[in-house]
PDB file of N, CA and C in Angstrom:
ATOM      1  N   MET A   1     -21.445  24.062  39.764  1.00  0.00           N
ATOM      2  CA  MET A   1     -21.861  22.691  39.898  1.00  0.00           C
ATOM      3  C   MET A   1     -23.320  22.589  39.460  1.00  0.00           C
ATOM      4  N   PRO A   2     -23.588  21.928  38.370  1.00  0.00           N
ATOM      5  CA  PRO A   2     -24.969  21.848  37.873  1.00  0.00           C
ATOM      6  C   PRO A   2     -25.813  20.916  38.726  1.00  0.00           C
ATOM      7  N   PHE A   3     -27.059  21.317  38.922  1.00  0.00           N
ATOM      8  CA  PHE A   3     -28.019  20.489  39.638  1.00  0.00           C
ATOM      9  C   PHE A   3     -28.459  19.381  38.706  1.00  0.00           C
ATOM     10  N   PRO A   4     -28.670  18.179  39.110  1.00  0.00           N
ATOM     11  CA  PRO A   4     -28.706  17.662  40.474  1.00  0.00           C
ATOM     12  C   PRO A   4     -27.459  16.884  40.887  1.00  0.00           C
ATOM     13  N   ASP A   5     -26.276  17.171  40.337  1.00  0.00           N
ATOM     14  CA  ASP A   5     -25.064  16.468  40.766  1.00  0.00           C
ATOM     15  C   ASP A   5     -24.934  16.511  42.275  1.00  0.00           C
ATOM     16  N   ASP A   6     -24.649  15.385  42.871  1.00  0.00           N
ATOM     17  CA  ASP A   6     -24.437  15.245  44.307  1.00  0.00           C
ATOM     18  C   ASP A   6     -25.674  15.544  45.145  1.00  0.00           C
ATOM     19  N   PHE A   7     -26.863  15.567  44.548  1.00  0.00           N
ATOM     20  CA  PHE A   7     -28.093  15.798  45.297  1.00  0.00           C
ATOM     21  C   PHE A   7     -28.245  14.702  46.345  1.00  0.00           C
ATOM     22  N   ALA A   8     -28.489  15.095  47.589  1.00  0.00           N
ATOM     23  CA  ALA A   8     -28.629  14.133  48.683  1.00  0.00           C
ATOM     24  C   ALA A   8     -30.096  14.050  49.083  1.00  0.00           C
ATOM     25  N   GLU A   9     -30.771  13.004  48.651  1.00  0.00           N
ATOM     26  CA  GLU A   9     -32.192  12.834  48.954  1.00  0.00           C
ATOM     27  C   GLU A   9     -32.392  12.680  50.457  1.00  0.00           C
ATOM     28  N   GLY A  10     -33.378  13.399  50.983  1.00  0.00           N
ATOM     29  CA  GLY A  10     -33.715  13.304  52.386  1.00  0.00           C
ATOM     30  C   GLY A  10     -32.961  14.258  53.290  1.00  0.00           C
ATOM     31  N   VAL A  11     -31.940  14.963  52.788  1.00  0.00           N
ATOM     32  CA  VAL A  11     -31.197  15.936  53.590  1.00  0.00           C
ATOM     33  C   VAL A  11     -31.909  17.281  53.453  1.00  0.00           C
ATOM     34  N   PHE A  12     -32.427  17.826  54.556  1.00  0.00           N
ATOM     35  CA  PHE A  12     -33.239  19.039  54.507  1.00  0.00           C
ATOM     36  C   PHE A  12     -32.487  20.211  53.877  1.00  0.00           C
ATOM     37  N   LEU A  13     -31.313  20.560  54.371  1.00  0.00           N
ATOM     38  CA  LEU A  13     -30.521  21.658  53.814  1.00  0.00           C
ATOM     39  C   LEU A  13     -29.124  21.134  53.542  1.00  0.00           C
ATOM     40  N   ASN A  14     -28.750  21.098  52.274  1.00  0.00           N
ATOM     41  CA  ASN A  14     -27.479  20.540  51.858  1.00  0.00           C
ATOM     42  C   ASN A  14     -26.705  21.615  51.094  1.00  0.00           C
ATOM     43  N   PRO A  15     -25.686  22.241  51.729  1.00  0.00           N
ATOM     44  CA  PRO A  15     -24.946  23.315  51.065  1.00  0.00           C
ATOM     45  C   PRO A  15     -23.866  22.781  50.118  1.00  0.00           C
ATOM     46  N   PHE A  16     -23.707  23.459  48.995  1.00  0.00           N
ATOM     47  CA  PHE A  16     -22.653  23.215  48.020  1.00  0.00           C
ATOM     48  C   PHE A  16     -22.045  24.565  47.670  1.00  0.00           C
ATOM     49  N   PRO A  17     -20.862  24.608  47.067  1.00  0.00           N
ATOM     50  CA  PRO A  17     -20.317  25.903  46.624  1.00  0.00           C
ATOM     51  C   PRO A  17     -21.281  26.582  45.643  1.00  0.00           C
ATOM     52  N   GLY A  18     -21.781  27.750  46.028  1.00  0.00           N
ATOM     53  CA  GLY A  18     -22.671  28.516  45.157  1.00  0.00           C
ATOM     54  C   GLY A  18     -24.083  27.968  45.034  1.00  0.00           C
ATOM     55  N   ARG A  19     -24.451  26.989  45.870  1.00  0.00           N
ATOM     56  CA  ARG A  19     -25.765  26.355  45.739  1.00  0.00           C
ATOM     57  C   ARG A  19     -26.218  25.823  47.092  1.00  0.00           C
ATOM     58  N   LEU A  20     -27.503  25.952  47.356  1.00  0.00           N
ATOM     59  CA  LEU A  20     -28.126  25.353  48.538  1.00  0.00           C
ATOM     60  C   LEU A  20     -29.249  24.450  48.059  1.00  0.00           C
ATOM     61  N   ASP A  21     -29.214  23.188  48.406  1.00  0.00           N
ATOM     62  CA  ASP A  21     -30.315  22.275  48.088  1.00  0.00           C
ATOM     63  C   ASP A  21     -31.218  22.176  49.309  1.00  0.00           C
ATOM     64  N   VAL A  22     -32.514  22.380  49.092  1.00  0.00           N
ATOM     65  CA  VAL A  22     -33.504  22.227  50.148  1.00  0.00           C
ATOM     66  C   VAL A  22     -34.426  21.089  49.730  1.00  0.00           C
ATOM     67  N   TYR A  23     -34.529  20.089  50.579  1.00  0.00           N
ATOM     68  CA  TYR A  23     -35.311  18.896  50.262  1.00  0.00           C
ATOM     69  C   TYR A  23     -36.730  19.039  50.801  1.00  0.00           C
ATOM     70  N   SER A  24     -37.694  19.011  49.913  1.00  0.00           N
ATOM     71  CA  SER A  24     -39.105  19.138  50.259  1.00  0.00           C
ATOM     72  C   SER A  24     -39.663  17.796  50.722  1.00  0.00           C
ATOM     73  N   ALA A  25     -40.669  17.851  51.586  1.00  0.00           N
ATOM     74  CA  ALA A  25     -41.325  16.627  52.050  1.00  0.00           C
ATOM     75  C   ALA A  25     -42.350  16.113  51.042  1.00  0.00           C
ATOM     76  N   GLY A  26     -42.788  16.969  50.126  1.00  0.00           N
ATOM     77  CA  GLY A  26     -43.787  16.574  49.134  1.00  0.00           C
ATOM     78  C   GLY A  26     -43.219  16.646  47.731  1.00  0.00           C
ATOM     79  N   HIS A  27     -44.009  16.215  46.790  1.00  0.00           N
ATOM     80  CA  HIS A  27     -43.645  16.359  45.380  1.00  0.00           C
ATOM     81  C   HIS A  27     -44.880  16.867  44.643  1.00  0.00           C
ATOM     82  N   THR A  28     -44.700  17.323  43.440  1.00  0.00           N
ATOM     83  CA  THR A  28     -45.780  17.881  42.613  1.00  0.00           C
ATOM     84  C   THR A  28     -46.681  18.806  43.424  1.00  0.00           C
ATOM     85  N   HIS A  29     -46.063  19.744  44.110  1.00  0.00           N
ATOM     86  CA  HIS A  29     -46.817  20.741  44.859  1.00  0.00           C
ATOM     87  C   HIS A  29     -46.109  22.087  44.757  1.00  0.00           C
ATOM     88  N   THR A  30     -46.802  23.118  45.153  1.00  0.00           N
ATOM     89  CA  THR A  30     -46.233  24.459  45.174  1.00  0.00           C
ATOM     90  C   THR A  30     -46.079  24.887  46.629  1.00  0.00           C
ATOM     91  N   ALA A  31     -44.840  25.133  47.037  1.00  0.00           N
ATOM     92  CA  ALA A  31     -44.569  25.574  48.406  1.00  0.00           C
ATOM     93  C   ALA A  31     -44.627  27.095  48.470  1.00  0.00           C
ATOM     94  N   ALA A  32     -44.945  27.619  49.644  1.00  0.00           N
ATOM     95  CA  ALA A  32     -44.896  29.059  49.890  1.00  0.00           C
ATOM     96  C   ALA A  32     -43.520  29.381  50.461  1.00  0.00           C
ATOM     97  N   VAL A  33     -42.839  30.383  49.884  1.00  0.00           N
ATOM     98  CA  VAL A  33     -41.485  30.730  50.303  1.00  0.00           C
ATOM     99  C   VAL A  33     -41.409  32.218  50.615  1.00  0.00           C
ATOM    100  N   THR A  34     -40.902  32.542  51.797  1.00  0.00           N
ATOM    101  CA  THR A  34     -40.625  33.926  52.186  1.00  0.00           C
ATOM    102  C   THR A  34     -39.124  34.042  52.367  1.00  0.00           C
ATOM    103  N   VAL A  35     -38.513  35.048  51.721  1.00  0.00           N
ATOM    104  CA  VAL A  35     -37.074  35.267  51.826  1.00  0.00           C
ATOM    105  C   VAL A  35     -36.830  36.612  52.496  1.00  0.00           C
ATOM    106  N   GLN A  36     -35.933  36.625  53.465  1.00  0.00           N
ATOM    107  CA  GLN A  36     -35.548  37.850  54.156  1.00  0.00           C
ATOM    108  C   GLN A  36     -34.035  38.010  54.067  1.00  0.00           C
ATOM    109  N   VAL A  37     -33.580  39.257  53.851  1.00  0.00           N
ATOM    110  CA  VAL A  37     -32.159  39.580  53.855  1.00  0.00           C
ATOM    111  C   VAL A  37     -31.927  40.552  55.002  1.00  0.00           C
ATOM    112  N   TRP A  38     -31.071  40.172  55.926  1.00  0.00           N
ATOM    113  CA  TRP A  38     -30.811  40.939  57.146  1.00  0.00           C
ATOM    114  C   TRP A  38     -29.405  41.537  57.098  1.00  0.00           C
ATOM    115  N   ASP A  39     -29.193  42.638  57.842  1.00  0.00           N
ATOM    116  CA  ASP A  39     -27.866  43.245  57.978  1.00  0.00           C
ATOM    117  C   ASP A  39     -27.005  42.479  58.974  1.00  0.00           C
ATOM    118  N   GLY A  40     -27.628  41.768  59.885  1.00  0.00           N
ATOM    119  CA  GLY A  40     -26.957  40.963  60.898  1.00  0.00           C
ATOM    120  C   GLY A  40     -27.802  39.751  61.193  1.00  0.00           C
ATOM    121  N   PRO A  41     -27.392  38.923  62.132  1.00  0.00           N
ATOM    122  CA  PRO A  41     -28.172  37.713  62.422  1.00  0.00           C
ATOM    123  C   PRO A  41     -29.605  38.053  62.804  1.00  0.00           C
ATOM    124  N   PRO A  42     -30.580  37.393  62.193  1.00  0.00           N
ATOM    125  CA  PRO A  42     -31.978  37.627  62.562  1.00  0.00           C
ATOM    126  C   PRO A  42     -32.265  37.023  63.930  1.00  0.00           C
ATOM    127  N   PRO A  43     -33.340  37.488  64.567  1.00  0.00           N
ATOM    128  CA  PRO A  43     -33.702  36.877  65.854  1.00  0.00           C
ATOM    129  C   PRO A  43     -33.966  35.376  65.672  1.00  0.00           C
ATOM    130  N   ALA A  44     -33.664  34.618  66.699  1.00  0.00           N
ATOM    131  CA  ALA A  44     -33.907  33.172  66.644  1.00  0.00           C
ATOM    132  C   ALA A  44     -35.394  32.914  66.448  1.00  0.00           C
ATOM    133  N   GLU A  45     -35.694  31.972  65.575  1.00  0.00           N
ATOM    134  CA  GLU A  45     -37.073  31.559  65.342  1.00  0.00           C
ATOM    135  C   GLU A  45     -37.462  30.522  66.394  1.00  0.00           C
ATOM    136  N   ASN A  46     -38.708  30.539  66.822  1.00  0.00           N
ATOM    137  CA  ASN A  46     -39.211  29.552  67.768  1.00  0.00           C
ATOM    138  C   ASN A  46     -39.155  28.164  67.117  1.00  0.00           C
ATOM    139  N   PRO A  47     -38.293  27.271  67.610  1.00  0.00           N
ATOM    140  CA  PRO A  47     -38.175  25.963  66.959  1.00  0.00           C
ATOM    141  C   PRO A  47     -39.464  25.144  66.986  1.00  0.00           C
ATOM    142  N   GLY A  48     -40.361  25.387  67.945  1.00  0.00           N
ATOM    143  CA  GLY A  48     -41.618  24.660  68.002  1.00  0.00           C
ATOM    144  C   GLY A  48     -42.573  25.020  66.878  1.00  0.00           C
ATOM    145  N   LYS A  49     -42.313  26.135  66.218  1.00  0.00           N
ATOM    146  CA  LYS A  49     -43.150  26.609  65.118  1.00  0.00           C
ATOM    147  C   LYS A  49     -42.814  25.897  63.800  1.00  0.00           C
ATOM    148  N   TRP A  50     -41.643  25.231  63.751  1.00  0.00           N
ATOM    149  CA  TRP A  50     -41.140  24.669  62.498  1.00  0.00           C
ATOM    150  C   TRP A  50     -40.957  23.163  62.584  1.00  0.00           C
ATOM    151  N   ASP A  51     -41.189  22.474  61.471  1.00  0.00           N
ATOM    152  CA  ASP A  51     -40.930  21.037  61.382  1.00  0.00           C
ATOM    153  C   ASP A  51     -39.442  20.762  61.186  1.00  0.00           C
ATOM    154  N   GLU A  52     -38.779  21.627  60.442  1.00  0.00           N
ATOM    155  CA  GLU A  52     -37.347  21.500  60.158  1.00  0.00           C
ATOM    156  C   GLU A  52     -36.733  22.884  60.205  1.00  0.00           C
ATOM    157  N   GLN A  53     -35.463  22.937  60.618  1.00  0.00           N
ATOM    158  CA  GLN A  53     -34.716  24.186  60.646  1.00  0.00           C
ATOM    159  C   GLN A  53     -33.243  23.841  60.525  1.00  0.00           C
ATOM    160  N   ALA A  54     -32.512  24.582  59.690  1.00  0.00           N
ATOM    161  CA  ALA A  54     -31.088  24.335  59.539  1.00  0.00           C
ATOM    162  C   ALA A  54     -30.402  25.619  59.093  1.00  0.00           C
ATOM    163  N   GLU A  55     -29.098  25.721  59.382  1.00  0.00           N
ATOM    164  CA  GLU A  55     -28.283  26.853  58.955  1.00  0.00           C
ATOM    165  C   GLU A  55     -27.082  26.344  58.174  1.00  0.00           C
ATOM    166  N   ALA A  56     -26.572  27.214  57.288  1.00  0.00           N
ATOM    167  CA  ALA A  56     -25.400  26.859  56.487  1.00  0.00           C
ATOM    168  C   ALA A  56     -24.688  28.132  56.046  1.00  0.00           C
ATOM    169  N   ASP A  57     -23.458  27.971  55.591  1.00  0.00           N
ATOM    170  CA  ASP A  57     -22.713  29.050  54.948  1.00  0.00           C
ATOM    171  C   ASP A  57     -23.089  29.079  53.479  1.00  0.00           C
ATOM    172  N   PHE A  58     -23.023  30.282  52.883  1.00  0.00           N
ATOM    173  CA  PHE A  58     -23.346  30.429  51.458  1.00  0.00           C
ATOM    174  C   PHE A  58     -22.455  31.509  50.854  1.00  0.00           C
ATOM    175  N   GLU A  59     -21.832  31.200  49.734  1.00  0.00           N
ATOM    176  CA  GLU A  59     -21.023  32.159  48.988  1.00  0.00           C
ATOM    177  C   GLU A  59     -21.790  32.587  47.743  1.00  0.00           C
ATOM    178  N   SER A  60     -21.919  33.891  47.554  1.00  0.00           N
ATOM    179  CA  SER A  60     -22.556  34.411  46.351  1.00  0.00           C
ATOM    180  C   SER A  60     -21.520  35.219  45.585  1.00  0.00           C
ATOM    181  N   ALA A  61     -21.177  34.797  44.371  1.00  0.00           N
ATOM    182  CA  ALA A  61     -20.184  35.497  43.562  1.00  0.00           C
ATOM    183  C   ALA A  61     -20.726  36.828  43.040  1.00  0.00           C
ATOM    184  N   SER A  62     -22.051  36.912  42.854  1.00  0.00           N
ATOM    185  CA  SER A  62     -22.658  38.102  42.249  1.00  0.00           C
ATOM    186  C   SER A  62     -23.427  38.973  43.238  1.00  0.00           C
ATOM    187  N   GLY A  63     -23.744  38.435  44.402  1.00  0.00           N
ATOM    188  CA  GLY A  63     -24.619  39.141  45.339  1.00  0.00           C
ATOM    189  C   GLY A  63     -26.085  38.813  45.103  1.00  0.00           C
ATOM    190  N   GLU A  64     -26.364  37.913  44.182  1.00  0.00           N
ATOM    191  CA  GLU A  64     -27.735  37.503  43.879  1.00  0.00           C
ATOM    192  C   GLU A  64     -27.886  35.995  44.037  1.00  0.00           C
ATOM    193  N   VAL A  65     -29.119  35.574  44.278  1.00  0.00           N
ATOM    194  CA  VAL A  65     -29.444  34.155  44.401  1.00  0.00           C
ATOM    195  C   VAL A  65     -30.609  33.868  43.461  1.00  0.00           C
ATOM    196  N   ALA A  66     -30.485  32.833  42.659  1.00  0.00           N
ATOM    197  CA  ALA A  66     -31.585  32.388  41.797  1.00  0.00           C
ATOM    198  C   ALA A  66     -32.241  31.178  42.462  1.00  0.00           C
ATOM    199  N   VAL A  67     -33.539  31.045  42.281  1.00  0.00           N
ATOM    200  CA  VAL A  67     -34.284  29.924  42.843  1.00  0.00           C
ATOM    201  C   VAL A  67     -34.656  28.965  41.715  1.00  0.00           C
ATOM    202  N   TRP A  68     -34.387  27.694  41.933  1.00  0.00           N
ATOM    203  CA  TRP A  68     -34.708  26.634  40.974  1.00  0.00           C
ATOM    204  C   TRP A  68     -35.581  25.598  41.667  1.00  0.00           C
ATOM    205  N   SER A  69     -36.487  25.010  40.920  1.00  0.00           N
ATOM    206  CA  SER A  69     -37.201  23.842  41.431  1.00  0.00           C
ATOM    207  C   SER A  69     -37.015  22.716  40.424  1.00  0.00           C
ATOM    208  N   MET A  70     -37.090  21.505  40.903  1.00  0.00           N
ATOM    209  CA  MET A  70     -36.878  20.362  40.005  1.00  0.00           C
ATOM    210  C   MET A  70     -37.944  20.307  38.919  1.00  0.00           C
ATOM    211  N   GLY A  71     -39.168  20.706  39.248  1.00  0.00           N
ATOM    212  CA  GLY A  71     -40.252  20.611  38.281  1.00  0.00           C
ATOM    213  C   GLY A  71     -40.391  21.815  37.369  1.00  0.00           C
ATOM    214  N   LEU A  72     -40.115  23.013  37.897  1.00  0.00           N
ATOM    215  CA  LEU A  72     -40.365  24.241  37.137  1.00  0.00           C
ATOM    216  C   LEU A  72     -39.111  24.901  36.588  1.00  0.00           C
ATOM    217  N   GLY A  73     -37.948  24.468  37.015  1.00  0.00           N
ATOM    218  CA  GLY A  73     -36.713  25.102  36.566  1.00  0.00           C
ATOM    219  C   GLY A  73     -36.450  26.395  37.321  1.00  0.00           C
ATOM    220  N   ARG A  74     -35.783  27.336  36.656  1.00  0.00           N
ATOM    221  CA  ARG A  74     -35.356  28.587  37.290  1.00  0.00           C
ATOM    222  C   ARG A  74     -36.498  29.593  37.329  1.00  0.00           C
ATOM    223  N   ALA A  75     -36.709  30.208  38.496  1.00  0.00           N
ATOM    224  CA  ALA A  75     -37.704  31.274  38.645  1.00  0.00           C
ATOM    225  C   ALA A  75     -37.190  32.534  37.951  1.00  0.00           C
ATOM    226  N   ASP A  76     -38.097  33.367  37.479  1.00  0.00           N
ATOM    227  CA  ASP A  76     -37.720  34.602  36.789  1.00  0.00           C
ATOM    228  C   ASP A  76     -37.050  35.606  37.719  1.00  0.00           C
ATOM    229  N   ASP A  77     -37.552  35.741  38.937  1.00  0.00           N
ATOM    230  CA  ASP A  77     -37.011  36.719  39.883  1.00  0.00           C
ATOM    231  C   ASP A  77     -35.759  36.178  40.568  1.00  0.00           C
ATOM    232  N   VAL A  78     -34.866  37.100  40.949  1.00  0.00           N
ATOM    233  CA  VAL A  78     -33.702  36.735  41.744  1.00  0.00           C
ATOM    234  C   VAL A  78     -33.780  37.451  43.087  1.00  0.00           C
ATOM    235  N   ILE A  79     -33.081  36.930  44.062  1.00  0.00           N
ATOM    236  CA  ILE A  79     -32.995  37.527  45.393  1.00  0.00           C
ATOM    237  C   ILE A  79     -31.689  38.298  45.452  1.00  0.00           C
ATOM    238  N   THR A  80     -31.750  39.585  45.749  1.00  0.00           N
ATOM    239  CA  THR A  80     -30.555  40.408  45.841  1.00  0.00           C
ATOM    240  C   THR A  80     -30.083  40.450  47.288  1.00  0.00           C
ATOM    241  N   LEU A  81     -28.884  39.922  47.513  1.00  0.00           N
ATOM    242  CA  LEU A  81     -28.284  39.949  48.837  1.00  0.00           C
ATOM    243  C   LEU A  81     -27.469  41.222  49.035  1.00  0.00           C
ATOM    244  N   SER A  82     -26.729  41.627  47.999  1.00  0.00           N
ATOM    245  CA  SER A  82     -25.885  42.818  48.056  1.00  0.00           C
ATOM    246  C   SER A  82     -25.523  43.232  46.635  1.00  0.00           C
ATOM    247  N   ASP A  83     -24.791  44.348  46.519  1.00  0.00           N
ATOM    248  CA  ASP A  83     -24.374  44.836  45.203  1.00  0.00           C
ATOM    249  C   ASP A  83     -23.209  44.046  44.629  1.00  0.00           C
ATOM    250  N   SER A  84     -22.561  43.239  45.445  1.00  0.00           N
ATOM    251  CA  SER A  84     -21.440  42.423  44.975  1.00  0.00           C
ATOM    252  C   SER A  84     -21.428  41.111  45.745  1.00  0.00           C
ATOM    253  N   GLY A  85     -20.535  40.227  45.379  1.00  0.00           N
ATOM    254  CA  GLY A  85     -20.460  38.918  46.021  1.00  0.00           C
ATOM    255  C   GLY A  85     -19.996  38.997  47.456  1.00  0.00           C
ATOM    256  N   GLY A  86     -20.132  37.886  48.146  1.00  0.00           N
ATOM    257  CA  GLY A  86     -19.688  37.832  49.533  1.00  0.00           C
ATOM    258  C   GLY A  86     -20.107  36.553  50.218  1.00  0.00           C
ATOM    259  N   SER A  87     -19.743  36.479  51.502  1.00  0.00           N
ATOM    260  CA  SER A  87     -20.049  35.308  52.330  1.00  0.00           C
ATOM    261  C   SER A  87     -21.283  35.600  53.176  1.00  0.00           C
ATOM    262  N   TRP A  88     -22.165  34.627  53.229  1.00  0.00           N
ATOM    263  CA  TRP A  88     -23.438  34.773  53.935  1.00  0.00           C
ATOM    264  C   TRP A  88     -23.692  33.562  54.814  1.00  0.00           C
ATOM    265  N   ARG A  89     -24.551  33.745  55.796  1.00  0.00           N
ATOM    266  CA  ARG A  89     -25.158  32.653  56.539  1.00  0.00           C
ATOM    267  C   ARG A  89     -26.605  32.589  56.080  1.00  0.00           C
ATOM    268  N   VAL A  90     -27.168  31.422  56.113  1.00  0.00           N
ATOM    269  CA  VAL A  90     -28.575  31.252  55.760  1.00  0.00           C
ATOM    270  C   VAL A  90     -29.217  30.307  56.762  1.00  0.00           C
ATOM    271  N   ARG A  91     -30.425  30.666  57.171  1.00  0.00           N
ATOM    272  CA  ARG A  91     -31.249  29.793  58.013  1.00  0.00           C
ATOM    273  C   ARG A  91     -32.504  29.476  57.208  1.00  0.00           C
ATOM    274  N   VAL A  92     -32.805  28.197  57.074  1.00  0.00           N
ATOM    275  CA  VAL A  92     -34.020  27.766  56.383  1.00  0.00           C
ATOM    276  C   VAL A  92     -34.913  27.065  57.401  1.00  0.00           C
ATOM    277  N   SER A  93     -36.146  27.541  57.505  1.00  0.00           N
ATOM    278  CA  SER A  93     -37.139  26.960  58.405  1.00  0.00           C
ATOM    279  C   SER A  93     -38.322  26.511  57.559  1.00  0.00           C
ATOM    280  N   CYS A  94     -38.951  25.409  57.953  1.00  0.00           N
ATOM    281  CA  CYS A  94     -40.064  24.879  57.156  1.00  0.00           C
ATOM    282  C   CYS A  94     -41.144  24.308  58.062  1.00  0.00           C
ATOM    283  N   SER A  95     -42.395  24.576  57.706  1.00  0.00           N
ATOM    284  CA  SER A  95     -43.550  23.969  58.372  1.00  0.00           C
ATOM    285  C   SER A  95     -44.446  23.342  57.306  1.00  0.00           C
ATOM    286  N   GLY A  96     -45.360  22.494  57.747  1.00  0.00           N
ATOM    287  CA  GLY A  96     -46.296  21.849  56.827  1.00  0.00           C
ATOM    288  C   GLY A  96     -45.746  20.640  56.101  1.00  0.00           C
ATOM    289  N   ARG A  97     -44.642  20.102  56.574  1.00  0.00           N
ATOM    290  CA  ARG A  97     -43.993  18.982  55.869  1.00  0.00           C
ATOM    291  C   ARG A  97     -44.848  17.707  55.879  1.00  0.00           C
ATOM    292  N   ARG A  98     -45.408  17.373  57.031  1.00  0.00           N
ATOM    293  CA  ARG A  98     -46.234  16.154  57.085  1.00  0.00           C
ATOM    294  C   ARG A  98     -47.455  16.273  56.176  1.00  0.00           C
ATOM    295  N   GLU A  99     -48.071  17.462  56.200  1.00  0.00           N
ATOM    296  CA  GLU A  99     -49.253  17.688  55.364  1.00  0.00           C
ATOM    297  C   GLU A  99     -48.906  17.617  53.876  1.00  0.00           C
ATOM    298  N   ALA A 100     -47.756  18.197  53.506  1.00  0.00           N
ATOM    299  CA  ALA A 100     -47.333  18.160  52.099  1.00  0.00           C
ATOM    300  C   ALA A 100     -47.048  16.730  51.652  1.00  0.00           C
ATOM    301  N   ALA A 101     -46.408  15.956  52.500  1.00  0.00           N
ATOM    302  CA  ALA A 101     -46.128  14.555  52.169  1.00  0.00           C
ATOM    303  C   ALA A 101     -47.424  13.767  52.012  1.00  0.00           C
ATOM    304  N   ALA A 102     -48.376  13.992  52.917  1.00  0.00           N
ATOM    305  CA  ALA A 102     -49.658  13.276  52.848  1.00  0.00           C
ATOM    306  C   ALA A 102     -50.429  13.652  51.586  1.00  0.00           C
ATOM    307  N   LEU A 103     -50.453  14.941  51.243  1.00  0.00           N
ATOM    308  CA  LEU A 103     -51.141  15.372  50.019  1.00  0.00           C
ATOM    309  C   LEU A 103     -50.499  14.755  48.777  1.00  0.00           C
ATOM    310  N   SER A 104     -49.177  14.703  48.767  1.00  0.00           N
ATOM    311  CA  SER A 104     -48.477  14.122  47.624  1.00  0.00           C
ATOM    312  C   SER A 104     -48.822  12.652  47.449  1.00  0.00           C
ATOM    313  N   GLU A 105     -48.987  11.944  48.566  1.00  0.00           N
ATOM    314  CA  GLU A 105     -49.335  10.521  48.502  1.00  0.00           C
ATOM    315  C   GLU A 105     -50.785  10.304  48.101  1.00  0.00           C
ATOM    316  N   GLN A 106     -51.693  11.184  48.537  1.00  0.00           N
ATOM    317  CA  GLN A 106     -53.119  10.984  48.302  1.00  0.00           C
ATOM    318  C   GLN A 106     -53.598  11.641  47.016  1.00  0.00           C
ATOM    319  N   GLU A 107     -53.467  12.955  46.935  1.00  0.00           N
ATOM    320  CA  GLU A 107     -54.045  13.711  45.832  1.00  0.00           C
ATOM    321  C   GLU A 107     -53.029  14.074  44.762  1.00  0.00           C
ATOM    322  N   GLY A 108     -51.745  14.101  45.141  1.00  0.00           N
ATOM    323  CA  GLY A 108     -50.718  14.422  44.162  1.00  0.00           C
ATOM    324  C   GLY A 108     -50.377  15.898  44.064  1.00  0.00           C
ATOM    325  N   THR A 109     -51.202  16.797  44.587  1.00  0.00           N
ATOM    326  CA  THR A 109     -50.918  18.223  44.462  1.00  0.00           C
ATOM    327  C   THR A 109     -51.328  18.962  45.720  1.00  0.00           C
ATOM    328  N   GLY A 110     -50.491  19.893  46.151  1.00  0.00           N
ATOM    329  CA  GLY A 110     -50.804  20.781  47.262  1.00  0.00           C
ATOM    330  C   GLY A 110     -50.292  22.166  46.931  1.00  0.00           C
ATOM    331  N   HIS A 111     -50.968  23.193  47.389  1.00  0.00           N
ATOM    332  CA  HIS A 111     -50.554  24.570  47.106  1.00  0.00           C
ATOM    333  C   HIS A 111     -50.376  25.335  48.406  1.00  0.00           C
ATOM    334  N   GLY A 112     -49.129  25.731  48.710  1.00  0.00           N
ATOM    335  CA  GLY A 112     -48.847  26.548  49.876  1.00  0.00           C
ATOM    336  C   GLY A 112     -48.957  25.837  51.205  1.00  0.00           C
ATOM    337  N   VAL A 113     -49.046  24.514  51.195  1.00  0.00           N
ATOM    338  CA  VAL A 113     -49.145  23.759  52.442  1.00  0.00           C
ATOM    339  C   VAL A 113     -47.789  23.749  53.144  1.00  0.00           C
ATOM    340  N   GLU A 114     -46.752  23.483  52.383  1.00  0.00           N
ATOM    341  CA  GLU A 114     -45.387  23.516  52.921  1.00  0.00           C
ATOM    342  C   GLU A 114     -44.910  24.963  52.829  1.00  0.00           C
ATOM    343  N   LYS A 115     -44.496  25.530  53.977  1.00  0.00           N
ATOM    344  CA  LYS A 115     -44.099  26.940  54.038  1.00  0.00           C
ATOM    345  C   LYS A 115     -42.643  27.042  54.481  1.00  0.00           C
ATOM    346  N   TYR A 116     -41.881  27.863  53.744  1.00  0.00           N
ATOM    347  CA  TYR A 116     -40.467  28.070  54.040  1.00  0.00           C
ATOM    348  C   TYR A 116     -40.202  29.518  54.406  1.00  0.00           C
ATOM    349  N   LEU A 117     -39.311  29.719  55.376  1.00  0.00           N
ATOM    350  CA  LEU A 117     -38.738  31.020  55.687  1.00  0.00           C
ATOM    351  C   LEU A 117     -37.240  30.871  55.481  1.00  0.00           C
ATOM    352  N   VAL A 118     -36.688  31.665  54.545  1.00  0.00           N
ATOM    353  CA  VAL A 118     -35.264  31.619  54.225  1.00  0.00           C
ATOM    354  C   VAL A 118     -34.675  32.971  54.605  1.00  0.00           C
ATOM    355  N   GLN A 119     -33.726  32.958  55.534  1.00  0.00           N
ATOM    356  CA  GLN A 119     -33.140  34.196  56.047  1.00  0.00           C
ATOM    357  C   GLN A 119     -31.643  34.217  55.756  1.00  0.00           C
ATOM    358  N   PHE A 120     -31.171  35.273  55.078  1.00  0.00           N
ATOM    359  CA  PHE A 120     -29.762  35.474  54.768  1.00  0.00           C
ATOM    360  C   PHE A 120     -29.227  36.633  55.595  1.00  0.00           C
ATOM    361  N   TRP A 121     -27.966  36.554  56.039  1.00  0.00           N
ATOM    362  CA  TRP A 121     -27.285  37.681  56.660  1.00  0.00           C
ATOM    363  C   TRP A 121     -25.785  37.547  56.410  1.00  0.00           C
ATOM    364  N   PRO A 122     -25.048  38.672  56.424  1.00  0.00           N
ATOM    365  CA  PRO A 122     -23.605  38.610  56.156  1.00  0.00           C
ATOM    366  C   PRO A 122     -22.894  37.713  57.183  1.00  0.00           C
ATOM    367  N   ALA A 123     -21.986  36.894  56.699  1.00  0.00           N
ATOM    368  CA  ALA A 123     -21.301  35.948  57.569  1.00  0.00           C
ATOM    369  C   ALA A 123     -20.439  36.645  58.613  1.00  0.00           C
ATOM    370  N   GLU A 124     -19.951  37.846  58.317  1.00  0.00           N
ATOM    371  CA  GLU A 124     -19.059  38.536  59.239  1.00  0.00           C
ATOM    372  C   GLU A 124     -19.783  39.110  60.442  1.00  0.00           C
ATOM    373  N   SER A 125     -21.104  39.218  60.404  1.00  0.00           N
ATOM    374  CA  SER A 125     -21.816  39.902  61.487  1.00  0.00           C
ATOM    375  C   SER A 125     -22.046  39.023  62.694  1.00  0.00           C
TER     376      SER A 125
END
């Protein structure tokens, strides 16, 4: 399913077959993203630390995930989940959303203000 078909504006984490859409609070900015791959469910994150948090199922046919942004396109690096495809759970947590939105409205650009933690683990665990 090519992006942006069925893109749902304002939905923080919107899962599709083979794709996860994450809706940013800002535009024309660079977010900081940390990705973790776990063998089992990661410890629960303190919800007070995050502005948004959501979980979803994710199917990877190859065992890899590519990252795309609307402004920059596909990133060169891929995230390796496993040596082959499989079913995963993903938790996406985000902080700095209000600040990113305010910067986008005022100055138009922010760097690393909006921070994401993306955690993958096998769905069977």
